[in-house]
Amino acid sequence: MLETQISAFISQATKDQVERYAEAHGVKKGHLLEEALLHHLQALRELPADIVIPPRLSVGPESFARVAKRIKRPRKATAAFRELMSGKRPRGEPKSW
């Protein structure tokens, strides 16, 4: 297979993660990046756009203030949420085999 070199600027934090992963798993960085790009491009082709969550979210000052307020004073969990998080099956849901 003919290979082509590309150049891209990435953050130091991303570079550090790539290097740690490559070293820990014994793979070359080029292979890791190619696999990651192929995986990401396939997901973009095959998944509905509304379920692909970007790895970074940008919020404006007003949105950030609302998020910070929610973190400081979270809403009380609903009964349905508590039941879901308990690991129990919701009432009336059949067993899945």
PDB file of N, CA and C in Angstrom:
ATOM      1  N   MET A   1       0.853  -1.176   0.000  1.00  0.00           N
ATOM      2  CA  MET A   1       0.000   0.000   0.000  1.00  0.00           C
ATOM      3  C   MET A   1       0.895   1.234   0.000  1.00  0.00           C
ATOM      4  N   LEU A   2       0.577   2.157  -0.857  1.00  0.00           N
ATOM      5  CA  LEU A   2       1.313   3.416  -0.933  1.00  0.00           C
ATOM      6  C   LEU A   2       0.941   4.278   0.263  1.00  0.00           C
ATOM      7  N   GLU A   3       1.925   4.804   0.951  1.00  0.00           N
ATOM      8  CA  GLU A   3       1.668   5.627   2.126  1.00  0.00           C
ATOM      9  C   GLU A   3       1.952   7.087   1.822  1.00  0.00           C
ATOM     10  N   THR A   4       1.178   7.960   2.450  1.00  0.00           N
ATOM     11  CA  THR A   4       1.334   9.392   2.303  1.00  0.00           C
ATOM     12  C   THR A   4       1.479   9.993   3.685  1.00  0.00           C
ATOM     13  N   GLN A   5       2.400  10.896   3.840  1.00  0.00           N
ATOM     14  CA  GLN A   5       2.588  11.557   5.123  1.00  0.00           C
ATOM     15  C   GLN A   5       1.720  12.802   5.166  1.00  0.00           C
ATOM     16  N   ILE A   6       1.085  13.011   6.330  1.00  0.00           N
ATOM     17  CA  ILE A   6       0.315  14.233   6.534  1.00  0.00           C
ATOM     18  C   ILE A   6       0.907  14.973   7.726  1.00  0.00           C
ATOM     19  N   SER A   7       0.623  16.233   7.808  1.00  0.00           N
ATOM     20  CA  SER A   7       1.102  17.043   8.918  1.00  0.00           C
ATOM     21  C   SER A   7      -0.103  17.721   9.546  1.00  0.00           C
ATOM     22  N   ALA A   8      -0.155  17.706  10.862  1.00  0.00           N
ATOM     23  CA  ALA A   8      -1.269  18.344  11.559  1.00  0.00           C
ATOM     24  C   ALA A   8      -0.790  18.864  12.900  1.00  0.00           C
ATOM     25  N   PHE A   9      -1.349  19.975  13.317  1.00  0.00           N
ATOM     26  CA  PHE A   9      -1.054  20.506  14.637  1.00  0.00           C
ATOM     27  C   PHE A   9      -2.057  19.928  15.621  1.00  0.00           C
ATOM     28  N   ILE A  10      -1.553  19.380  16.728  1.00  0.00           N
ATOM     29  CA  ILE A  10      -2.412  18.848  17.784  1.00  0.00           C
ATOM     30  C   ILE A  10      -1.915  19.411  19.111  1.00  0.00           C
ATOM     31  N   SER A  11      -2.771  19.349  20.107  1.00  0.00           N
ATOM     32  CA  SER A  11      -2.380  19.870  21.416  1.00  0.00           C
ATOM     33  C   SER A  11      -1.323  18.965  22.047  1.00  0.00           C
ATOM     34  N   GLN A  12      -0.575  19.531  22.969  1.00  0.00           N
ATOM     35  CA  GLN A  12       0.432  18.747  23.688  1.00  0.00           C
ATOM     36  C   GLN A  12      -0.231  17.617  24.462  1.00  0.00           C
ATOM     37  N   ALA A  13      -1.411  17.885  25.026  1.00  0.00           N
ATOM     38  CA  ALA A  13      -2.121  16.859  25.797  1.00  0.00           C
ATOM     39  C   ALA A  13      -2.492  15.672  24.912  1.00  0.00           C
ATOM     40  N   THR A  14      -2.953  15.941  23.678  1.00  0.00           N
ATOM     41  CA  THR A  14      -3.297  14.863  22.751  1.00  0.00           C
ATOM     42  C   THR A  14      -2.048  14.089  22.358  1.00  0.00           C
ATOM     43  N   LYS A  15      -0.978  14.806  22.080  1.00  0.00           N
ATOM     44  CA  LYS A  15       0.284  14.148  21.719  1.00  0.00           C
ATOM     45  C   LYS A  15       0.751  13.230  22.840  1.00  0.00           C
ATOM     46  N   ASP A  16       0.657  13.706  24.075  1.00  0.00           N
ATOM     47  CA  ASP A  16       1.063  12.894  25.224  1.00  0.00           C
ATOM     48  C   ASP A  16       0.212  11.629  25.325  1.00  0.00           C
ATOM     49  N   GLN A  17      -1.093  11.755  25.096  1.00  0.00           N
ATOM     50  CA  GLN A  17      -1.972  10.588  25.150  1.00  0.00           C
ATOM     51  C   GLN A  17      -1.618   9.582  24.069  1.00  0.00           C
ATOM     52  N   VAL A  18      -1.356  10.066  22.858  1.00  0.00           N
ATOM     53  CA  VAL A  18      -0.980   9.182  21.750  1.00  0.00           C
ATOM     54  C   VAL A  18       0.308   8.438  22.102  1.00  0.00           C
ATOM     55  N   GLU A  19       1.280   9.158  22.596  1.00  0.00           N
ATOM     56  CA  GLU A  19       2.564   8.532  22.921  1.00  0.00           C
ATOM     57  C   GLU A  19       2.429   7.517  24.053  1.00  0.00           C
ATOM     58  N   ARG A  20       1.651   7.849  25.091  1.00  0.00           N
ATOM     59  CA  ARG A  20       1.450   6.903  26.195  1.00  0.00           C
ATOM     60  C   ARG A  20       0.747   5.638  25.711  1.00  0.00           C
ATOM     61  N   TYR A  21      -0.303   5.814  24.894  1.00  0.00           N
ATOM     62  CA  TYR A  21      -1.041   4.649  24.403  1.00  0.00           C
ATOM     63  C   TYR A  21      -0.155   3.782  23.520  1.00  0.00           C
ATOM     64  N   ALA A  22       0.557   4.406  22.591  1.00  0.00           N
ATOM     65  CA  ALA A  22       1.410   3.658  21.673  1.00  0.00           C
ATOM     66  C   ALA A  22       2.462   2.864  22.444  1.00  0.00           C
ATOM     67  N   GLU A  23       3.058   3.484  23.433  1.00  0.00           N
ATOM     68  CA  GLU A  23       4.089   2.794  24.212  1.00  0.00           C
ATOM     69  C   GLU A  23       3.487   1.666  25.051  1.00  0.00           C
ATOM     70  N   ALA A  24       2.364   1.928  25.674  1.00  0.00           N
ATOM     71  CA  ALA A  24       1.744   0.931  26.552  1.00  0.00           C
ATOM     72  C   ALA A  24       1.241  -0.286  25.786  1.00  0.00           C
ATOM     73  N   HIS A  25       0.819  -0.081  24.530  1.00  0.00           N
ATOM     74  CA  HIS A  25       0.230  -1.180  23.758  1.00  0.00           C
ATOM     75  C   HIS A  25       1.154  -1.705  22.664  1.00  0.00           C
ATOM     76  N   GLY A  26       2.337  -1.155  22.577  1.00  0.00           N
ATOM     77  CA  GLY A  26       3.306  -1.661  21.610  1.00  0.00           C
ATOM     78  C   GLY A  26       2.923  -1.444  20.162  1.00  0.00           C
ATOM     79  N   VAL A  27       2.265  -0.330  19.889  1.00  0.00           N
ATOM     80  CA  VAL A  27       1.908  -0.019  18.497  1.00  0.00           C
ATOM     81  C   VAL A  27       2.643   1.249  18.070  1.00  0.00           C
ATOM     82  N   LYS A  28       2.843   1.358  16.782  1.00  0.00           N
ATOM     83  CA  LYS A  28       3.477   2.568  16.267  1.00  0.00           C
ATOM     84  C   LYS A  28       2.441   3.688  16.225  1.00  0.00           C
ATOM     85  N   LYS A  29       2.910   4.902  16.449  1.00  0.00           N
ATOM     86  CA  LYS A  29       1.995   6.053  16.468  1.00  0.00           C
ATOM     87  C   LYS A  29       1.277   6.214  15.136  1.00  0.00           C
ATOM     88  N   GLY A  30       1.979   6.005  14.031  1.00  0.00           N
ATOM     89  CA  GLY A  30       1.343   6.128  12.722  1.00  0.00           C
ATOM     90  C   GLY A  30       0.196   5.156  12.546  1.00  0.00           C
ATOM     91  N   HIS A  31       0.404   3.909  13.016  1.00  0.00           N
ATOM     92  CA  HIS A  31      -0.665   2.897  12.924  1.00  0.00           C
ATOM     93  C   HIS A  31      -1.853   3.292  13.787  1.00  0.00           C
ATOM     94  N   LEU A  32      -1.562   3.737  15.016  1.00  0.00           N
ATOM     95  CA  LEU A  32      -2.629   4.160  15.916  1.00  0.00           C
ATOM     96  C   LEU A  32      -3.446   5.293  15.306  1.00  0.00           C
ATOM     97  N   LEU A  33      -2.767   6.290  14.744  1.00  0.00           N
ATOM     98  CA  LEU A  33      -3.477   7.426  14.159  1.00  0.00           C
ATOM     99  C   LEU A  33      -4.286   7.029  12.939  1.00  0.00           C
ATOM    100  N   GLU A  34      -3.731   6.163  12.094  1.00  0.00           N
ATOM    101  CA  GLU A  34      -4.500   5.722  10.920  1.00  0.00           C
ATOM    102  C   GLU A  34      -5.747   4.962  11.337  1.00  0.00           C
ATOM    103  N   GLU A  35      -5.606   4.041  12.307  1.00  0.00           N
ATOM    104  CA  GLU A  35      -6.768   3.284  12.781  1.00  0.00           C
ATOM    105  C   GLU A  35      -7.812   4.218  13.395  1.00  0.00           C
ATOM    106  N   ALA A  36      -7.352   5.187  14.178  1.00  0.00           N
ATOM    107  CA  ALA A  36      -8.281   6.129  14.805  1.00  0.00           C
ATOM    108  C   ALA A  36      -9.024   6.955  13.757  1.00  0.00           C
ATOM    109  N   LEU A  37      -8.305   7.420  12.745  1.00  0.00           N
ATOM    110  CA  LEU A  37      -8.953   8.197  11.678  1.00  0.00           C
ATOM    111  C   LEU A  37      -9.957   7.354  10.907  1.00  0.00           C
ATOM    112  N   LEU A  38      -9.573   6.121  10.585  1.00  0.00           N
ATOM    113  CA  LEU A  38     -10.497   5.236   9.864  1.00  0.00           C
ATOM    114  C   LEU A  38     -11.743   4.955  10.695  1.00  0.00           C
ATOM    115  N   HIS A  39     -11.553   4.707  11.969  1.00  0.00           N
ATOM    116  CA  HIS A  39     -12.677   4.437  12.860  1.00  0.00           C
ATOM    117  C   HIS A  39     -13.604   5.647  12.941  1.00  0.00           C
ATOM    118  N   HIS A  40     -13.025   6.816  13.102  1.00  0.00           N
ATOM    119  CA  HIS A  40     -13.821   8.042  13.210  1.00  0.00           C
ATOM    120  C   HIS A  40     -14.575   8.325  11.906  1.00  0.00           C
ATOM    121  N   LEU A  41     -13.902   8.191  10.781  1.00  0.00           N
ATOM    122  CA  LEU A  41     -14.559   8.448   9.494  1.00  0.00           C
ATOM    123  C   LEU A  41     -15.680   7.450   9.232  1.00  0.00           C
ATOM    124  N   GLN A  42     -15.474   6.187   9.625  1.00  0.00           N
ATOM    125  CA  GLN A  42     -16.534   5.191   9.467  1.00  0.00           C
ATOM    126  C   GLN A  42     -17.736   5.555  10.333  1.00  0.00           C
ATOM    127  N   ALA A  43     -17.480   5.976  11.577  1.00  0.00           N
ATOM    128  CA  ALA A  43     -18.579   6.372  12.461  1.00  0.00           C
ATOM    129  C   ALA A  43     -19.345   7.549  11.873  1.00  0.00           C
ATOM    130  N   LEU A  44     -18.633   8.518  11.326  1.00  0.00           N
ATOM    131  CA  LEU A  44     -19.307   9.674  10.729  1.00  0.00           C
ATOM    132  C   LEU A  44     -20.165   9.269   9.536  1.00  0.00           C
ATOM    133  N   ARG A  45     -19.729   8.261   8.784  1.00  0.00           N
ATOM    134  CA  ARG A  45     -20.511   7.785   7.635  1.00  0.00           C
ATOM    135  C   ARG A  45     -21.733   6.989   8.072  1.00  0.00           C
ATOM    136  N   GLU A  46     -21.580   6.161   9.084  1.00  0.00           N
ATOM    137  CA  GLU A  46     -22.607   5.171   9.388  1.00  0.00           C
ATOM    138  C   GLU A  46     -23.577   5.556  10.503  1.00  0.00           C
ATOM    139  N   LEU A  47     -23.197   6.459  11.366  1.00  0.00           N
ATOM    140  CA  LEU A  47     -24.065   6.819  12.488  1.00  0.00           C
ATOM    141  C   LEU A  47     -24.852   8.087  12.183  1.00  0.00           C
ATOM    142  N   PRO A  48     -26.061   8.174  12.714  1.00  0.00           N
ATOM    143  CA  PRO A  48     -26.807   9.431  12.558  1.00  0.00           C
ATOM    144  C   PRO A  48     -26.036  10.571  13.223  1.00  0.00           C
ATOM    145  N   ALA A  49     -26.029  11.707  12.595  1.00  0.00           N
ATOM    146  CA  ALA A  49     -25.241  12.847  13.070  1.00  0.00           C
ATOM    147  C   ALA A  49     -25.597  13.258  14.497  1.00  0.00           C
ATOM    148  N   ASP A  50     -26.844  13.056  14.909  1.00  0.00           N
ATOM    149  CA  ASP A  50     -27.248  13.519  16.234  1.00  0.00           C
ATOM    150  C   ASP A  50     -26.763  12.629  17.378  1.00  0.00           C
ATOM    151  N   ILE A  51     -26.171  11.464  17.072  1.00  0.00           N
ATOM    152  CA  ILE A  51     -25.653  10.645  18.169  1.00  0.00           C
ATOM    153  C   ILE A  51     -24.128  10.659  18.247  1.00  0.00           C
ATOM    154  N   VAL A  52     -23.474  11.345  17.320  1.00  0.00           N
ATOM    155  CA  VAL A  52     -22.022  11.483  17.383  1.00  0.00           C
ATOM    156  C   VAL A  52     -21.725  12.659  18.300  1.00  0.00           C
ATOM    157  N   ILE A  53     -21.105  12.367  19.430  1.00  0.00           N
ATOM    158  CA  ILE A  53     -20.823  13.398  20.422  1.00  0.00           C
ATOM    159  C   ILE A  53     -19.395  13.889  20.224  1.00  0.00           C
ATOM    160  N   PRO A  54     -19.218  15.170  19.989  1.00  0.00           N
ATOM    161  CA  PRO A  54     -17.861  15.682  19.797  1.00  0.00           C
ATOM    162  C   PRO A  54     -17.048  15.543  21.082  1.00  0.00           C
ATOM    163  N   PRO A  55     -15.742  15.318  20.963  1.00  0.00           N
ATOM    164  CA  PRO A  55     -14.925  15.159  22.164  1.00  0.00           C
ATOM    165  C   PRO A  55     -14.737  16.453  22.947  1.00  0.00           C
ATOM    166  N   ARG A  56     -15.007  17.568  22.312  1.00  0.00           N
ATOM    167  CA  ARG A  56     -14.918  18.860  22.986  1.00  0.00           C
ATOM    168  C   ARG A  56     -16.212  19.621  22.753  1.00  0.00           C
ATOM    169  N   LEU A  57     -16.691  20.244  23.795  1.00  0.00           N
ATOM    170  CA  LEU A  57     -17.897  21.063  23.688  1.00  0.00           C
ATOM    171  C   LEU A  57     -17.518  22.509  23.991  1.00  0.00           C
ATOM    172  N   SER A  58     -18.053  23.419  23.224  1.00  0.00           N
ATOM    173  CA  SER A  58     -17.821  24.838  23.455  1.00  0.00           C
ATOM    174  C   SER A  58     -19.094  25.467  23.970  1.00  0.00           C
ATOM    175  N   VAL A  59     -18.962  26.209  25.054  1.00  0.00           N
ATOM    176  CA  VAL A  59     -20.121  26.913  25.603  1.00  0.00           C
ATOM    177  C   VAL A  59     -19.766  28.377  25.780  1.00  0.00           C
ATOM    178  N   GLY A  60     -20.757  29.204  25.589  1.00  0.00           N
ATOM    179  CA  GLY A  60     -20.573  30.634  25.797  1.00  0.00           C
ATOM    180  C   GLY A  60     -20.685  30.965  27.273  1.00  0.00           C
ATOM    181  N   PRO A  61     -20.457  32.212  27.622  1.00  0.00           N
ATOM    182  CA  PRO A  61     -20.505  32.626  29.036  1.00  0.00           C
ATOM    183  C   PRO A  61     -21.854  32.341  29.703  1.00  0.00           C
ATOM    184  N   GLU A  62     -22.958  32.575  28.985  1.00  0.00           N
ATOM    185  CA  GLU A  62     -24.277  32.343  29.582  1.00  0.00           C
ATOM    186  C   GLU A  62     -24.519  30.857  29.811  1.00  0.00           C
ATOM    187  N   SER A  63     -24.176  30.040  28.823  1.00  0.00           N
ATOM    188  CA  SER A  63     -24.342  28.590  28.975  1.00  0.00           C
ATOM    189  C   SER A  63     -23.460  28.065  30.096  1.00  0.00           C
ATOM    190  N   PHE A  64     -22.226  28.558  30.161  1.00  0.00           N
ATOM    191  CA  PHE A  64     -21.316  28.122  31.210  1.00  0.00           C
ATOM    192  C   PHE A  64     -21.887  28.450  32.588  1.00  0.00           C
ATOM    193  N   ALA A  65     -22.458  29.635  32.733  1.00  0.00           N
ATOM    194  CA  ALA A  65     -23.036  30.033  34.019  1.00  0.00           C
ATOM    195  C   ALA A  65     -24.175  29.090  34.404  1.00  0.00           C
ATOM    196  N   ARG A  66     -25.022  28.698  33.428  1.00  0.00           N
ATOM    197  CA  ARG A  66     -26.120  27.768  33.721  1.00  0.00           C
ATOM    198  C   ARG A  66     -25.584  26.404  34.138  1.00  0.00           C
ATOM    199  N   VAL A  67     -24.547  25.925  33.454  1.00  0.00           N
ATOM    200  CA  VAL A  67     -23.951  24.635  33.807  1.00  0.00           C
ATOM    201  C   VAL A  67     -23.350  24.698  35.210  1.00  0.00           C
ATOM    202  N   ALA A  68     -22.619  25.761  35.497  1.00  0.00           N
ATOM    203  CA  ALA A  68     -22.009  25.913  36.825  1.00  0.00           C
ATOM    204  C   ALA A  68     -23.077  25.938  37.915  1.00  0.00           C
ATOM    205  N   LYS A  69     -24.191  26.607  37.648  1.00  0.00           N
ATOM    206  CA  LYS A  69     -25.281  26.672  38.623  1.00  0.00           C
ATOM    207  C   LYS A  69     -25.861  25.286  38.870  1.00  0.00           C
ATOM    208  N   ARG A  70     -26.033  24.497  37.807  1.00  0.00           N
ATOM    209  CA  ARG A  70     -26.562  23.137  37.951  1.00  0.00           C
ATOM    210  C   ARG A  70     -25.613  22.252  38.745  1.00  0.00           C
ATOM    211  N   ILE A  71     -24.320  22.450  38.556  1.00  0.00           N
ATOM    212  CA  ILE A  71     -23.344  21.646  39.292  1.00  0.00           C
ATOM    213  C   ILE A  71     -23.396  21.998  40.778  1.00  0.00           C
ATOM    214  N   LYS A  72     -23.536  23.286  41.064  1.00  0.00           N
ATOM    215  CA  LYS A  72     -23.593  23.714  42.463  1.00  0.00           C
ATOM    216  C   LYS A  72     -24.878  23.256  43.141  1.00  0.00           C
ATOM    217  N   ARG A  73     -25.984  23.294  42.404  1.00  0.00           N
ATOM    218  CA  ARG A  73     -27.283  22.897  42.949  1.00  0.00           C
ATOM    219  C   ARG A  73     -27.979  21.944  41.982  1.00  0.00           C
ATOM    220  N   PRO A  74     -27.581  20.667  41.996  1.00  0.00           N
ATOM    221  CA  PRO A  74     -28.196  19.722  41.060  1.00  0.00           C
ATOM    222  C   PRO A  74     -29.666  19.461  41.398  1.00  0.00           C
ATOM    223  N   ARG A  75     -30.405  19.105  40.379  1.00  0.00           N
ATOM    224  CA  ARG A  75     -31.811  18.749  40.593  1.00  0.00           C
ATOM    225  C   ARG A  75     -31.889  17.425  41.340  1.00  0.00           C
ATOM    226  N   LYS A  76     -32.983  17.218  42.048  1.00  0.00           N
ATOM    227  CA  LYS A  76     -33.207  15.954  42.743  1.00  0.00           C
ATOM    228  C   LYS A  76     -33.519  14.885  41.695  1.00  0.00           C
ATOM    229  N   ALA A  77     -32.922  13.712  41.871  1.00  0.00           N
ATOM    230  CA  ALA A  77     -33.146  12.607  40.931  1.00  0.00           C
ATOM    231  C   ALA A  77     -34.587  12.136  41.001  1.00  0.00           C
ATOM    232  N   THR A  78     -35.155  11.821  39.852  1.00  0.00           N
ATOM    233  CA  THR A  78     -36.520  11.299  39.814  1.00  0.00           C
ATOM    234  C   THR A  78     -36.519   9.837  40.236  1.00  0.00           C
ATOM    235  N   ALA A  79     -37.697   9.332  40.582  1.00  0.00           N
ATOM    236  CA  ALA A  79     -37.821   7.923  40.968  1.00  0.00           C
ATOM    237  C   ALA A  79     -37.397   7.015  39.816  1.00  0.00           C
ATOM    238  N   ALA A  80     -37.771   7.376  38.599  1.00  0.00           N
ATOM    239  CA  ALA A  80     -37.404   6.561  37.438  1.00  0.00           C
ATOM    240  C   ALA A  80     -35.886   6.515  37.254  1.00  0.00           C
ATOM    241  N   PHE A  81     -35.223   7.633  37.474  1.00  0.00           N
ATOM    242  CA  PHE A  81     -33.763   7.667  37.335  1.00  0.00           C
ATOM    243  C   PHE A  81     -33.102   6.829  38.425  1.00  0.00           C
ATOM    244  N   ARG A  82     -33.589   6.959  39.660  1.00  0.00           N
ATOM    245  CA  ARG A  82     -33.021   6.169  40.759  1.00  0.00           C
ATOM    246  C   ARG A  82     -33.203   4.679  40.493  1.00  0.00           C
ATOM    247  N   GLU A  83     -34.353   4.289  39.976  1.00  0.00           N
ATOM    248  CA  GLU A  83     -34.603   2.880  39.655  1.00  0.00           C
ATOM    249  C   GLU A  83     -33.665   2.409  38.544  1.00  0.00           C
ATOM    250  N   LEU A  84     -33.501   3.240  37.524  1.00  0.00           N
ATOM    251  CA  LEU A  84     -32.595   2.893  36.428  1.00  0.00           C
ATOM    252  C   LEU A  84     -31.172   2.700  36.930  1.00  0.00           C
ATOM    253  N   MET A  85     -30.710   3.606  37.763  1.00  0.00           N
ATOM    254  CA  MET A  85     -29.338   3.546  38.246  1.00  0.00           C
ATOM    255  C   MET A  85     -29.126   2.436  39.275  1.00  0.00           C
ATOM    256  N   SER A  86     -30.199   1.900  39.844  1.00  0.00           N
ATOM    257  CA  SER A  86     -30.064   0.828  40.831  1.00  0.00           C
ATOM    258  C   SER A  86     -29.684  -0.495  40.175  1.00  0.00           C
ATOM    259  N   GLY A  87     -29.863  -0.588  38.864  1.00  0.00           N
ATOM    260  CA  GLY A  87     -29.549  -1.830  38.159  1.00  0.00           C
ATOM    261  C   GLY A  87     -30.723  -2.786  38.094  1.00  0.00           C
ATOM    262  N   LYS A  88     -31.811  -2.431  38.723  1.00  0.00           N
ATOM    263  CA  LYS A  88     -33.003  -3.288  38.683  1.00  0.00           C
ATOM    264  C   LYS A  88     -33.743  -3.047  37.375  1.00  0.00           C
ATOM    265  N   ARG A  89     -34.436  -4.089  36.925  1.00  0.00           N
ATOM    266  CA  ARG A  89     -35.247  -3.923  35.721  1.00  0.00           C
ATOM    267  C   ARG A  89     -36.472  -3.081  36.047  1.00  0.00           C
ATOM    268  N   PRO A  90     -36.812  -2.157  35.149  1.00  0.00           N
ATOM    269  CA  PRO A  90     -38.052  -1.387  35.366  1.00  0.00           C
ATOM    270  C   PRO A  90     -39.246  -2.319  35.425  1.00  0.00           C
ATOM    271  N   ARG A  91     -40.236  -1.940  36.175  1.00  0.00           N
ATOM    272  CA  ARG A  91     -41.458  -2.733  36.295  1.00  0.00           C
ATOM    273  C   ARG A  91     -42.069  -3.002  34.932  1.00  0.00           C
ATOM    274  N   GLY A  92     -42.462  -4.256  34.711  1.00  0.00           N
ATOM    275  CA  GLY A  92     -43.131  -4.608  33.466  1.00  0.00           C
ATOM    276  C   GLY A  92     -42.178  -4.911  32.323  1.00  0.00           C
ATOM    277  N   GLU A  93     -40.880  -4.707  32.520  1.00  0.00           N
ATOM    278  CA  GLU A  93     -39.929  -5.006  31.440  1.00  0.00           C
ATOM    279  C   GLU A  93     -39.598  -6.495  31.452  1.00  0.00           C
ATOM    280  N   PRO A  94     -39.687  -7.156  30.309  1.00  0.00           N
ATOM    281  CA  PRO A  94     -39.406  -8.592  30.287  1.00  0.00           C
ATOM    282  C   PRO A  94     -37.918  -8.865  30.482  1.00  0.00           C
ATOM    283  N   LYS A  95     -37.621 -10.089  30.935  1.00  0.00           N
ATOM    284  CA  LYS A  95     -36.217 -10.496  31.060  1.00  0.00           C
ATOM    285  C   LYS A  95     -35.584 -10.548  29.691  1.00  0.00           C
ATOM    286  N   SER A  96     -34.339 -10.137  29.594  1.00  0.00           N
ATOM    287  CA  SER A  96     -33.634 -10.279  28.339  1.00  0.00           C
ATOM    288  C   SER A  96     -32.654 -11.433  28.475  1.00  0.00           C
ATOM    289  N   TRP A  97     -32.640 -12.302  27.532  1.00  0.00           N
ATOM    290  CA  TRP A  97     -31.781 -13.482  27.604  1.00  0.00           C
ATOM    291  C   TRP A  97     -30.599 -13.212  26.800  1.00  0.00           C
TER     292      TRP A  97
END
